[in-house]
Amino acid sequence: MSLTVTEVKDLLEITSTSHDSVIAAMLPLITLQINEYCGGAFSHQIKEELVTFTAIGSSGYQTLDHNPLIRNSVTVTSTARETPFYGDAYFHDIPQVTYPIPSTYVEDYRIDYEGGRIYIETTDSQIESTDSVFVTYSYVDLYGGGKIAAARVLQQHYNQPSGIGSESVGSLSRSYVGGGGAGFDGYVSAILAPYKRPRLI
């Protein structure tokens, strides 16, 4: 189960609902950033989730079981496993392009990575409006210190916008939050240290 707005508000002792939409919008992005920083420590994979479409276009969005999705991890095939479908050229190895230029004519499906949704964008797709497909993907599910770190990063957004650590008004002096990389302060970096995996190149 991915980290929810309610969990974040509980961790930060927030009772107001006035910032719920902002927290909901930022949470998937922060979740993905933390996972990237930790070298994929919070990644999980789903193999061949069956999705049946109901319409073409954004009104036919089908929500996958988990989110947010990791870019470059989504593959879509026919239920007979014989036809791979073409996805977003920006974030997928198929089609192999020198410069990733998105085109409705090479995309059989479109992915909302943060929301964990898939849809058929156009009638030019190989996938028909009521077809079923198998979707294999990776997603991020924070646990333990990852949840605390995400809540802390959201808290910093409100308390210290734009990474500003301190600022004074008279002849404007400003210092920015330093830290362990990825824009995280030392506290967040320390919380995430046990989860970091080495990157093999």
C-alpha atoms as a PDB file:
ATOM      1  CA  MET A   1       0.000   0.000   0.000  1.00  0.00           C
ATOM      2  CA  SER A   2       1.520   3.306  -1.044  1.00  0.00           C
ATOM      3  CA  LEU A   3       1.891   6.169   1.390  1.00  0.00           C
ATOM      4  CA  THR A   4      -1.385   8.077   1.688  1.00  0.00           C
ATOM      5  CA  VAL A   5      -2.245  11.710   2.348  1.00  0.00           C
ATOM      6  CA  THR A   6      -3.844  10.632   5.636  1.00  0.00           C
ATOM      7  CA  GLU A   7      -0.641   8.893   6.787  1.00  0.00           C
ATOM      8  CA  VAL A   8       1.443  11.960   5.922  1.00  0.00           C
ATOM      9  CA  LYS A   9      -0.940  14.214   7.836  1.00  0.00           C
ATOM     10  CA  ASP A  10      -0.814  11.866  10.840  1.00  0.00           C
ATOM     11  CA  LEU A  11       3.002  11.875  10.800  1.00  0.00           C
ATOM     12  CA  LEU A  12       3.075  15.669  10.612  1.00  0.00           C
ATOM     13  CA  GLU A  13       0.138  16.154  13.009  1.00  0.00           C
ATOM     14  CA  ILE A  14      -1.810  18.152  10.429  1.00  0.00           C
ATOM     15  CA  THR A  15      -5.561  18.361  11.056  1.00  0.00           C
ATOM     16  CA  SER A  16      -6.551  20.910   8.396  1.00  0.00           C
ATOM     17  CA  THR A  17      -7.706  19.706   4.989  1.00  0.00           C
ATOM     18  CA  SER A  18      -6.647  22.895   3.197  1.00  0.00           C
ATOM     19  CA  HIS A  19      -3.427  21.386   1.807  1.00  0.00           C
ATOM     20  CA  ASP A  20      -4.709  17.901   0.953  1.00  0.00           C
ATOM     21  CA  SER A  21      -4.666  18.459  -2.814  1.00  0.00           C
ATOM     22  CA  VAL A  22      -1.091  19.790  -2.759  1.00  0.00           C
ATOM     23  CA  ILE A  23       0.092  16.869  -0.618  1.00  0.00           C
ATOM     24  CA  ALA A  24      -1.676  14.422  -2.952  1.00  0.00           C
ATOM     25  CA  ALA A  25      -0.006  16.001  -6.008  1.00  0.00           C
ATOM     26  CA  MET A  26       3.495  16.104  -4.500  1.00  0.00           C
ATOM     27  CA  LEU A  27       3.489  12.735  -2.737  1.00  0.00           C
ATOM     28  CA  PRO A  28       4.036  10.507  -5.822  1.00  0.00           C
ATOM     29  CA  LEU A  29       6.876  12.741  -7.030  1.00  0.00           C
ATOM     30  CA  ILE A  30       8.614  12.694  -3.654  1.00  0.00           C
ATOM     31  CA  THR A  31       8.060   8.939  -3.385  1.00  0.00           C
ATOM     32  CA  LEU A  32       9.776   8.380  -6.742  1.00  0.00           C
ATOM     33  CA  GLN A  33      12.616  10.749  -5.794  1.00  0.00           C
ATOM     34  CA  ILE A  34      13.265   8.881  -2.537  1.00  0.00           C
ATOM     35  CA  ASN A  35      13.277   5.541  -4.340  1.00  0.00           C
ATOM     36  CA  GLU A  36      15.735   6.864  -6.927  1.00  0.00           C
ATOM     37  CA  TYR A  37      17.971   8.297  -4.185  1.00  0.00           C
ATOM     38  CA  CYS A  38      17.986   4.900  -2.448  1.00  0.00           C
ATOM     39  CA  GLY A  39      18.867   2.998  -5.626  1.00  0.00           C
ATOM     40  CA  GLY A  40      15.489   1.298  -5.978  1.00  0.00           C
ATOM     41  CA  ALA A  41      15.255   0.015  -2.397  1.00  0.00           C
ATOM     42  CA  PHE A  42      11.499   0.587  -2.323  1.00  0.00           C
ATOM     43  CA  SER A  43      10.770  -0.924  -5.773  1.00  0.00           C
ATOM     44  CA  HIS A  44       8.400  -3.831  -6.297  1.00  0.00           C
ATOM     45  CA  GLN A  45       7.328  -5.559  -9.494  1.00  0.00           C
ATOM     46  CA  ILE A  46       3.982  -6.770 -10.767  1.00  0.00           C
ATOM     47  CA  LYS A  47       3.967  -9.392 -13.520  1.00  0.00           C
ATOM     48  CA  GLU A  48       1.143  -9.451 -16.033  1.00  0.00           C
ATOM     49  CA  GLU A  49      -1.686  -7.598 -14.345  1.00  0.00           C
ATOM     50  CA  LEU A  50      -4.778  -8.079 -16.507  1.00  0.00           C
ATOM     51  CA  VAL A  51      -6.352  -4.811 -17.656  1.00  0.00           C
ATOM     52  CA  THR A  52      -9.532  -4.540 -19.733  1.00  0.00           C
ATOM     53  CA  PHE A  53     -10.229  -1.243 -21.467  1.00  0.00           C
ATOM     54  CA  THR A  54     -13.683   0.286 -21.706  1.00  0.00           C
ATOM     55  CA  ALA A  55     -13.106   3.194 -24.092  1.00  0.00           C
ATOM     56  CA  ILE A  56     -10.539   5.080 -26.148  1.00  0.00           C
ATOM     57  CA  GLY A  57      -9.240   8.384 -24.808  1.00  0.00           C
ATOM     58  CA  SER A  58      -8.642   9.721 -21.315  1.00  0.00           C
ATOM     59  CA  SER A  59     -12.212   8.836 -20.312  1.00  0.00           C
ATOM     60  CA  GLY A  60     -11.119   5.191 -20.612  1.00  0.00           C
ATOM     61  CA  TYR A  61      -8.343   5.385 -18.008  1.00  0.00           C
ATOM     62  CA  GLN A  62      -7.873   2.077 -16.194  1.00  0.00           C
ATOM     63  CA  THR A  63      -6.223   2.280 -12.790  1.00  0.00           C
ATOM     64  CA  LEU A  64      -3.535  -0.292 -12.056  1.00  0.00           C
ATOM     65  CA  ASP A  65      -3.379  -1.973  -8.662  1.00  0.00           C
ATOM     66  CA  HIS A  66      -0.312   0.008  -7.508  1.00  0.00           C
ATOM     67  CA  ASN A  67       1.320   3.412  -7.953  1.00  0.00           C
ATOM     68  CA  PRO A  68       3.432   5.416  -8.539  1.00  0.00           C
ATOM     69  CA  LEU A  69       4.984   3.559 -11.477  1.00  0.00           C
ATOM     70  CA  ILE A  70       8.697   3.539 -12.243  1.00  0.00           C
ATOM     71  CA  ARG A  71       9.574   4.886 -15.661  1.00  0.00           C
ATOM     72  CA  ASN A  72      11.158   2.403 -18.075  1.00  0.00           C
ATOM     73  CA  SER A  73       9.532  -0.492 -16.230  1.00  0.00           C
ATOM     74  CA  VAL A  74       6.189  -0.797 -18.040  1.00  0.00           C
ATOM     75  CA  THR A  75       5.593  -3.417 -20.723  1.00  0.00           C
ATOM     76  CA  VAL A  76       2.222  -4.208 -22.258  1.00  0.00           C
ATOM     77  CA  THR A  77       1.474  -7.369 -24.232  1.00  0.00           C
ATOM     78  CA  SER A  78      -1.561  -9.122 -25.620  1.00  0.00           C
ATOM     79  CA  THR A  79      -3.200 -11.714 -23.384  1.00  0.00           C
ATOM     80  CA  ALA A  80      -1.785 -14.398 -25.664  1.00  0.00           C
ATOM     81  CA  ARG A  81       1.664 -12.897 -24.922  1.00  0.00           C
ATOM     82  CA  GLU A  82       2.428 -12.816 -28.643  1.00  0.00           C
ATOM     83  CA  THR A  83       2.128  -9.063 -29.365  1.00  0.00           C
ATOM     84  CA  PRO A  84       4.149  -6.429 -27.503  1.00  0.00           C
ATOM     85  CA  PHE A  85       2.517  -3.010 -27.694  1.00  0.00           C
ATOM     86  CA  TYR A  86       4.344   0.271 -28.131  1.00  0.00           C
ATOM     87  CA  GLY A  87       4.384   2.684 -25.232  1.00  0.00           C
ATOM     88  CA  ASP A  88       5.590   6.166 -24.477  1.00  0.00           C
ATOM     89  CA  ALA A  89       8.797   6.788 -26.434  1.00  0.00           C
ATOM     90  CA  TYR A  90      10.041   9.090 -23.699  1.00  0.00           C
ATOM     91  CA  PHE A  91      10.161   6.427 -21.035  1.00  0.00           C
ATOM     92  CA  HIS A  92      10.305   3.047 -22.705  1.00  0.00           C
ATOM     93  CA  ASP A  93      12.892   1.093 -24.638  1.00  0.00           C
ATOM     94  CA  ILE A  94      10.325   0.420 -27.398  1.00  0.00           C
ATOM     95  CA  PRO A  95      10.453   2.039 -29.863  1.00  0.00           C
ATOM     96  CA  GLN A  96      14.188   2.626 -29.882  1.00  0.00           C
ATOM     97  CA  VAL A  97      14.597   6.194 -31.030  1.00  0.00           C
ATOM     98  CA  THR A  98      17.672   8.429 -31.218  1.00  0.00           C
ATOM     99  CA  TYR A  99      15.755  11.396 -29.874  1.00  0.00           C
ATOM    100  CA  PRO A 100      12.647  10.492 -27.862  1.00  0.00           C
ATOM    101  CA  ILE A 101       9.829  12.390 -29.543  1.00  0.00           C
ATOM    102  CA  PRO A 102       6.358  11.313 -28.411  1.00  0.00           C
ATOM    103  CA  SER A 103       3.898  10.546 -31.178  1.00  0.00           C
ATOM    104  CA  THR A 104       0.333   9.315 -31.071  1.00  0.00           C
ATOM    105  CA  TYR A 105       1.159   7.153 -34.085  1.00  0.00           C
ATOM    106  CA  VAL A 106       3.698   5.003 -32.214  1.00  0.00           C
ATOM    107  CA  GLU A 107       1.888   4.848 -28.883  1.00  0.00           C
ATOM    108  CA  ASP A 108      -0.599   2.039 -28.483  1.00  0.00           C
ATOM    109  CA  TYR A 109      -1.177   3.147 -24.900  1.00  0.00           C
ATOM    110  CA  ARG A 110      -0.377   6.084 -22.639  1.00  0.00           C
ATOM    111  CA  ILE A 111       0.691   5.860 -18.985  1.00  0.00           C
ATOM    112  CA  ASP A 112       0.049   8.232 -16.080  1.00  0.00           C
ATOM    113  CA  TYR A 113       3.109   7.192 -14.043  1.00  0.00           C
ATOM    114  CA  GLU A 114       2.308   9.129 -10.876  1.00  0.00           C
ATOM    115  CA  GLY A 115      -1.328   8.041 -10.786  1.00  0.00           C
ATOM    116  CA  GLY A 116      -0.707   4.453 -11.920  1.00  0.00           C
ATOM    117  CA  ARG A 117      -3.185   4.614 -14.806  1.00  0.00           C
ATOM    118  CA  ILE A 118      -3.155   3.393 -18.404  1.00  0.00           C
ATOM    119  CA  TYR A 119      -5.351   4.297 -21.364  1.00  0.00           C
ATOM    120  CA  ILE A 120      -5.599   3.986 -25.144  1.00  0.00           C
ATOM    121  CA  GLU A 121      -5.056   7.434 -26.536  1.00  0.00           C
ATOM    122  CA  THR A 122      -6.129   7.062 -30.145  1.00  0.00           C
ATOM    123  CA  THR A 123      -7.975   4.845 -32.585  1.00  0.00           C
ATOM    124  CA  ASP A 124      -4.608   4.365 -34.336  1.00  0.00           C
ATOM    125  CA  SER A 125      -3.633   2.022 -31.511  1.00  0.00           C
ATOM    126  CA  GLN A 126      -3.225  -1.712 -32.125  1.00  0.00           C
ATOM    127  CA  ILE A 127      -5.307  -2.144 -28.952  1.00  0.00           C
ATOM    128  CA  GLU A 128      -9.056  -1.980 -29.511  1.00  0.00           C
ATOM    129  CA  SER A 129     -11.337   0.007 -27.210  1.00  0.00           C
ATOM    130  CA  THR A 130     -12.550  -3.044 -25.265  1.00  0.00           C
ATOM    131  CA  ASP A 131      -9.426  -5.242 -25.474  1.00  0.00           C
ATOM    132  CA  SER A 132      -7.666  -6.824 -22.520  1.00  0.00           C
ATOM    133  CA  VAL A 133      -3.889  -6.665 -22.106  1.00  0.00           C
ATOM    134  CA  PHE A 134      -1.215  -7.861 -19.683  1.00  0.00           C
ATOM    135  CA  VAL A 135       0.687  -5.024 -17.976  1.00  0.00           C
ATOM    136  CA  THR A 136       3.995  -5.734 -16.255  1.00  0.00           C
ATOM    137  CA  TYR A 137       5.440  -2.848 -14.247  1.00  0.00           C
ATOM    138  CA  SER A 138       7.439  -1.764 -11.233  1.00  0.00           C
ATOM    139  CA  TYR A 139       6.082   0.567  -8.596  1.00  0.00           C
ATOM    140  CA  VAL A 140       7.299   2.242  -5.410  1.00  0.00           C
ATOM    141  CA  ASP A 141       5.966   1.368  -1.969  1.00  0.00           C
ATOM    142  CA  LEU A 142       7.643   3.249   0.874  1.00  0.00           C
ATOM    143  CA  TYR A 143       7.956   1.582   4.261  1.00  0.00           C
ATOM    144  CA  GLY A 144       9.665   2.353   7.555  1.00  0.00           C
ATOM    145  CA  GLY A 145      12.009   5.318   7.348  1.00  0.00           C
ATOM    146  CA  GLY A 146      10.973   5.953   3.756  1.00  0.00           C
ATOM    147  CA  LYS A 147       7.545   7.102   4.944  1.00  0.00           C
ATOM    148  CA  ILE A 148       9.046   9.390   7.576  1.00  0.00           C
ATOM    149  CA  ALA A 149      11.453  10.836   5.009  1.00  0.00           C
ATOM    150  CA  ALA A 150       8.632  11.564   2.557  1.00  0.00           C
ATOM    151  CA  ALA A 151       6.622  13.328   5.266  1.00  0.00           C
ATOM    152  CA  ARG A 152       9.688  15.373   6.247  1.00  0.00           C
ATOM    153  CA  VAL A 153      10.316  16.464   2.638  1.00  0.00           C
ATOM    154  CA  LEU A 154       6.671  17.555   2.353  1.00  0.00           C
ATOM    155  CA  GLN A 155       6.990  19.446   5.624  1.00  0.00           C
ATOM    156  CA  GLN A 156      10.065  21.255   4.288  1.00  0.00           C
ATOM    157  CA  HIS A 157       8.050  22.338   1.267  1.00  0.00           C
ATOM    158  CA  TYR A 158       5.790  24.336   3.570  1.00  0.00           C
ATOM    159  CA  ASN A 159       8.344  25.516   6.123  1.00  0.00           C
ATOM    160  CA  GLN A 160      11.285  26.233   3.808  1.00  0.00           C
ATOM    161  CA  PRO A 161      10.054  26.692   0.234  1.00  0.00           C
ATOM    162  CA  SER A 162      12.548  26.368  -2.630  1.00  0.00           C
ATOM    163  CA  GLY A 163      15.175  24.772  -0.393  1.00  0.00           C
ATOM    164  CA  ILE A 164      15.796  28.000   1.556  1.00  0.00           C
ATOM    165  CA  GLY A 165      17.439  27.242   4.904  1.00  0.00           C
ATOM    166  CA  SER A 166      17.400  30.791   6.281  1.00  0.00           C
ATOM    167  CA  GLU A 167      16.859  34.303   5.051  1.00  0.00           C
ATOM    168  CA  SER A 168      17.010  37.836   6.373  1.00  0.00           C
ATOM    169  CA  VAL A 169      15.335  40.919   4.954  1.00  0.00           C
ATOM    170  CA  GLY A 170      17.836  43.776   5.458  1.00  0.00           C
ATOM    171  CA  SER A 171      20.113  43.726   2.372  1.00  0.00           C
ATOM    172  CA  LEU A 172      18.730  40.284   1.600  1.00  0.00           C
ATOM    173  CA  SER A 173      20.868  37.422   2.850  1.00  0.00           C
ATOM    174  CA  ARG A 174      19.777  33.931   1.966  1.00  0.00           C
ATOM    175  CA  SER A 175      21.245  30.491   2.570  1.00  0.00           C
ATOM    176  CA  TYR A 176      19.985  27.291   1.025  1.00  0.00           C
ATOM    177  CA  VAL A 177      19.472  23.862   2.486  1.00  0.00           C
ATOM    178  CA  GLY A 178      22.501  21.662   1.945  1.00  0.00           C
ATOM    179  CA  GLY A 179      22.488  17.987   2.629  1.00  0.00           C
ATOM    180  CA  GLY A 180      23.125  14.527   1.390  1.00  0.00           C
ATOM    181  CA  GLY A 181      22.099  15.009  -2.211  1.00  0.00           C
ATOM    182  CA  ALA A 182      18.852  15.062  -4.176  1.00  0.00           C
ATOM    183  CA  GLY A 183      17.924  18.251  -2.314  1.00  0.00           C
ATOM    184  CA  PHE A 184      17.422  16.384   0.969  1.00  0.00           C
ATOM    185  CA  ASP A 185      18.588  17.848   4.254  1.00  0.00           C
ATOM    186  CA  GLY A 186      20.911  15.945   6.590  1.00  0.00           C
ATOM    187  CA  TYR A 187      18.029  14.568   8.669  1.00  0.00           C
ATOM    188  CA  VAL A 188      16.288  12.997   5.652  1.00  0.00           C
ATOM    189  CA  SER A 189      19.587  11.647   4.315  1.00  0.00           C
ATOM    190  CA  ALA A 190      20.309  10.046   7.699  1.00  0.00           C
ATOM    191  CA  ILE A 191      16.853   8.428   7.817  1.00  0.00           C
ATOM    192  CA  LEU A 192      17.352   7.003   4.327  1.00  0.00           C
ATOM    193  CA  ALA A 193      20.967   5.857   4.849  1.00  0.00           C
ATOM    194  CA  PRO A 194      20.037   2.290   5.902  1.00  0.00           C
ATOM    195  CA  TYR A 195      17.959   1.839   2.726  1.00  0.00           C
ATOM    196  CA  LYS A 196      20.540   3.068   0.199  1.00  0.00           C
ATOM    197  CA  ARG A 197      21.769   0.496  -2.286  1.00  0.00           C
ATOM    198  CA  PRO A 198      25.007   0.786  -4.223  1.00  0.00           C
ATOM    199  CA  ARG A 199      24.651   1.634  -7.897  1.00  0.00           C
ATOM    200  CA  LEU A 200      26.385  -0.697 -10.317  1.00  0.00           C
ATOM    201  CA  ILE A 201      27.478   0.901 -13.564  1.00  0.00           C
END
